[in-house]
Amino acid sequence: MKKQIVMPAIMMDNSSDHNLYVQFSAVTQKMGIYTAFDYAAIIRHLVKLWKIETLTGLNDYASRAQEYLGTLADRYKKIAERTKPPQNLKLAWLVT
């Protein structure tokens, strides 16, 4: 999780339109269907569900991972607050 989160939909770029995933992501962000706020909420929910913050007896590596996961949702929320949705979308497959 430290390097990059890869969503399965990124495989859409294997199609003839190599920007399809980027366009799809931009549309969903602009419409508010699935945003970085949603991703932060999912992380927060899973950390709470799995009771990550209550785990004890962890070695140093696991303890650092616990701390990292405990603050990850807030970091994604801050990124979401700074991110502006795209204003102009030109989609080859959508005729206007």
C-alpha atoms as a PDB file:
ATOM      1  CA  MET A   1       0.000   0.000   0.000  1.00  0.00           C
ATOM      2  CA  LYS A   2       2.956   2.311   0.364  1.00  0.00           C
ATOM      3  CA  LYS A   3       3.957   2.243  -3.283  1.00  0.00           C
ATOM      4  CA  GLN A   4       0.713   2.435  -5.220  1.00  0.00           C
ATOM      5  CA  ILE A   5      -2.833   1.228  -5.162  1.00  0.00           C
ATOM      6  CA  VAL A   6      -3.748  -0.429  -8.433  1.00  0.00           C
ATOM      7  CA  MET A   7      -7.406  -0.768  -9.203  1.00  0.00           C
ATOM      8  CA  PRO A   8      -8.434  -3.714 -11.417  1.00  0.00           C
ATOM      9  CA  ALA A   9     -10.076  -1.352 -13.901  1.00  0.00           C
ATOM     10  CA  ILE A  10      -6.610  -0.208 -14.960  1.00  0.00           C
ATOM     11  CA  MET A  11      -6.632  -3.284 -17.200  1.00  0.00           C
ATOM     12  CA  MET A  12      -9.053  -1.292 -19.379  1.00  0.00           C
ATOM     13  CA  ASP A  13      -5.986   0.357 -20.905  1.00  0.00           C
ATOM     14  CA  ASN A  14      -5.156  -2.907 -22.663  1.00  0.00           C
ATOM     15  CA  SER A  15      -7.850  -2.000 -25.168  1.00  0.00           C
ATOM     16  CA  SER A  16      -7.278  -0.069 -28.370  1.00  0.00           C
ATOM     17  CA  ASP A  17      -7.857   3.206 -26.494  1.00  0.00           C
ATOM     18  CA  HIS A  18      -4.863   3.400 -24.172  1.00  0.00           C
ATOM     19  CA  ASN A  19      -6.353   6.283 -22.192  1.00  0.00           C
ATOM     20  CA  LEU A  20      -9.647   4.558 -21.437  1.00  0.00           C
ATOM     21  CA  TYR A  21      -8.899   4.040 -17.730  1.00  0.00           C
ATOM     22  CA  VAL A  22      -7.736   7.629 -17.302  1.00  0.00           C
ATOM     23  CA  GLN A  23     -10.911   8.841 -19.000  1.00  0.00           C
ATOM     24  CA  PHE A  24     -13.093   6.468 -16.982  1.00  0.00           C
ATOM     25  CA  SER A  25     -11.461   7.618 -13.745  1.00  0.00           C
ATOM     26  CA  ALA A  26     -11.907  11.281 -14.676  1.00  0.00           C
ATOM     27  CA  VAL A  27     -15.605  10.771 -15.450  1.00  0.00           C
ATOM     28  CA  THR A  28     -16.298   8.946 -12.178  1.00  0.00           C
ATOM     29  CA  GLN A  29     -14.404  11.585 -10.180  1.00  0.00           C
ATOM     30  CA  LYS A  30     -16.212  14.455 -11.902  1.00  0.00           C
ATOM     31  CA  MET A  31     -19.619  12.843 -11.383  1.00  0.00           C
ATOM     32  CA  GLY A  32     -18.784  11.969  -7.789  1.00  0.00           C
ATOM     33  CA  ILE A  33     -19.457   8.271  -8.377  1.00  0.00           C
ATOM     34  CA  TYR A  34     -16.151   7.012  -6.963  1.00  0.00           C
ATOM     35  CA  THR A  35     -13.689   9.503  -5.600  1.00  0.00           C
ATOM     36  CA  ALA A  36     -10.636   9.591  -3.378  1.00  0.00           C
ATOM     37  CA  PHE A  37     -13.038  10.386  -0.513  1.00  0.00           C
ATOM     38  CA  ASP A  38     -14.705   7.026  -1.117  1.00  0.00           C
ATOM     39  CA  TYR A  39     -11.347   5.297  -1.102  1.00  0.00           C
ATOM     40  CA  ALA A  40     -10.453   6.949   2.216  1.00  0.00           C
ATOM     41  CA  ALA A  41     -13.787   5.828   3.659  1.00  0.00           C
ATOM     42  CA  ILE A  42     -13.181   2.239   2.518  1.00  0.00           C
ATOM     43  CA  ILE A  43      -9.748   2.198   4.141  1.00  0.00           C
ATOM     44  CA  ARG A  44     -11.164   3.673   7.369  1.00  0.00           C
ATOM     45  CA  HIS A  45     -13.939   1.048   7.397  1.00  0.00           C
ATOM     46  CA  LEU A  46     -11.534  -1.866   6.869  1.00  0.00           C
ATOM     47  CA  VAL A  47      -9.077  -0.677   9.511  1.00  0.00           C
ATOM     48  CA  LYS A  48     -11.959  -0.453  11.969  1.00  0.00           C
ATOM     49  CA  LEU A  49     -13.515  -3.777  10.885  1.00  0.00           C
ATOM     50  CA  TRP A  50     -10.207  -5.617  11.207  1.00  0.00           C
ATOM     51  CA  LYS A  51      -9.476  -3.828  14.505  1.00  0.00           C
ATOM     52  CA  ILE A  52      -5.995  -2.903  13.299  1.00  0.00           C
ATOM     53  CA  GLU A  53      -5.453  -0.340  16.059  1.00  0.00           C
ATOM     54  CA  THR A  54      -6.190  -2.856  18.832  1.00  0.00           C
ATOM     55  CA  LEU A  55      -3.666  -5.512  17.757  1.00  0.00           C
ATOM     56  CA  THR A  56      -1.007  -6.155  20.389  1.00  0.00           C
ATOM     57  CA  GLY A  57       2.192  -8.147  20.668  1.00  0.00           C
ATOM     58  CA  LEU A  58       3.437  -6.991  17.280  1.00  0.00           C
ATOM     59  CA  ASN A  59       7.067  -6.992  16.254  1.00  0.00           C
ATOM     60  CA  ASP A  60       8.680  -3.718  15.153  1.00  0.00           C
ATOM     61  CA  TYR A  61       7.843  -4.180  11.461  1.00  0.00           C
ATOM     62  CA  ALA A  62       4.196  -5.024  12.172  1.00  0.00           C
ATOM     63  CA  SER A  63       3.932  -2.150  14.638  1.00  0.00           C
ATOM     64  CA  ARG A  64       5.108   0.320  11.985  1.00  0.00           C
ATOM     65  CA  ALA A  65       2.619  -1.186   9.517  1.00  0.00           C
ATOM     66  CA  GLN A  66      -0.131  -0.811  12.114  1.00  0.00           C
ATOM     67  CA  GLU A  67       0.719   2.851  12.579  1.00  0.00           C
ATOM     68  CA  TYR A  68       0.852   3.399   8.820  1.00  0.00           C
ATOM     69  CA  LEU A  69      -2.546   1.792   8.233  1.00  0.00           C
ATOM     70  CA  GLY A  70      -4.035   3.678  11.156  1.00  0.00           C
ATOM     71  CA  THR A  71      -3.277   7.020   9.505  1.00  0.00           C
ATOM     72  CA  LEU A  72      -3.735   6.034   5.854  1.00  0.00           C
ATOM     73  CA  ALA A  73      -7.398   7.039   5.562  1.00  0.00           C
ATOM     74  CA  ASP A  74      -6.666  10.528   6.848  1.00  0.00           C
ATOM     75  CA  ARG A  75      -3.815  10.928   4.371  1.00  0.00           C
ATOM     76  CA  TYR A  76      -6.073   9.906   1.481  1.00  0.00           C
ATOM     77  CA  LYS A  77      -8.747  12.309   2.708  1.00  0.00           C
ATOM     78  CA  LYS A  78      -6.236  15.183   2.679  1.00  0.00           C
ATOM     79  CA  ILE A  79      -5.191  14.247  -0.858  1.00  0.00           C
ATOM     80  CA  ALA A  80      -8.853  14.168  -1.902  1.00  0.00           C
ATOM     81  CA  GLU A  81      -9.411  17.630  -0.441  1.00  0.00           C
ATOM     82  CA  ARG A  82      -6.536  19.024  -2.524  1.00  0.00           C
ATOM     83  CA  THR A  83      -7.506  17.222  -5.732  1.00  0.00           C
ATOM     84  CA  LYS A  84      -9.713  19.077  -8.160  1.00  0.00           C
ATOM     85  CA  PRO A  85     -11.947  17.105 -10.515  1.00  0.00           C
ATOM     86  CA  PRO A  86     -11.204  17.574 -14.208  1.00  0.00           C
ATOM     87  CA  GLN A  87     -13.146  20.405 -15.802  1.00  0.00           C
ATOM     88  CA  ASN A  88     -13.099  19.464 -19.469  1.00  0.00           C
ATOM     89  CA  LEU A  89     -13.434  15.891 -20.617  1.00  0.00           C
ATOM     90  CA  LYS A  90     -13.125  14.957 -24.266  1.00  0.00           C
ATOM     91  CA  LEU A  91     -14.134  11.386 -24.847  1.00  0.00           C
ATOM     92  CA  ALA A  92     -13.697   9.922 -28.312  1.00  0.00           C
ATOM     93  CA  TRP A  93     -16.460   7.406 -27.702  1.00  0.00           C
ATOM     94  CA  LEU A  94     -18.981  10.043 -26.553  1.00  0.00           C
ATOM     95  CA  VAL A  95     -20.404  12.260 -29.247  1.00  0.00           C
ATOM     96  CA  THR A  96     -21.727  15.578 -28.022  1.00  0.00           C
END
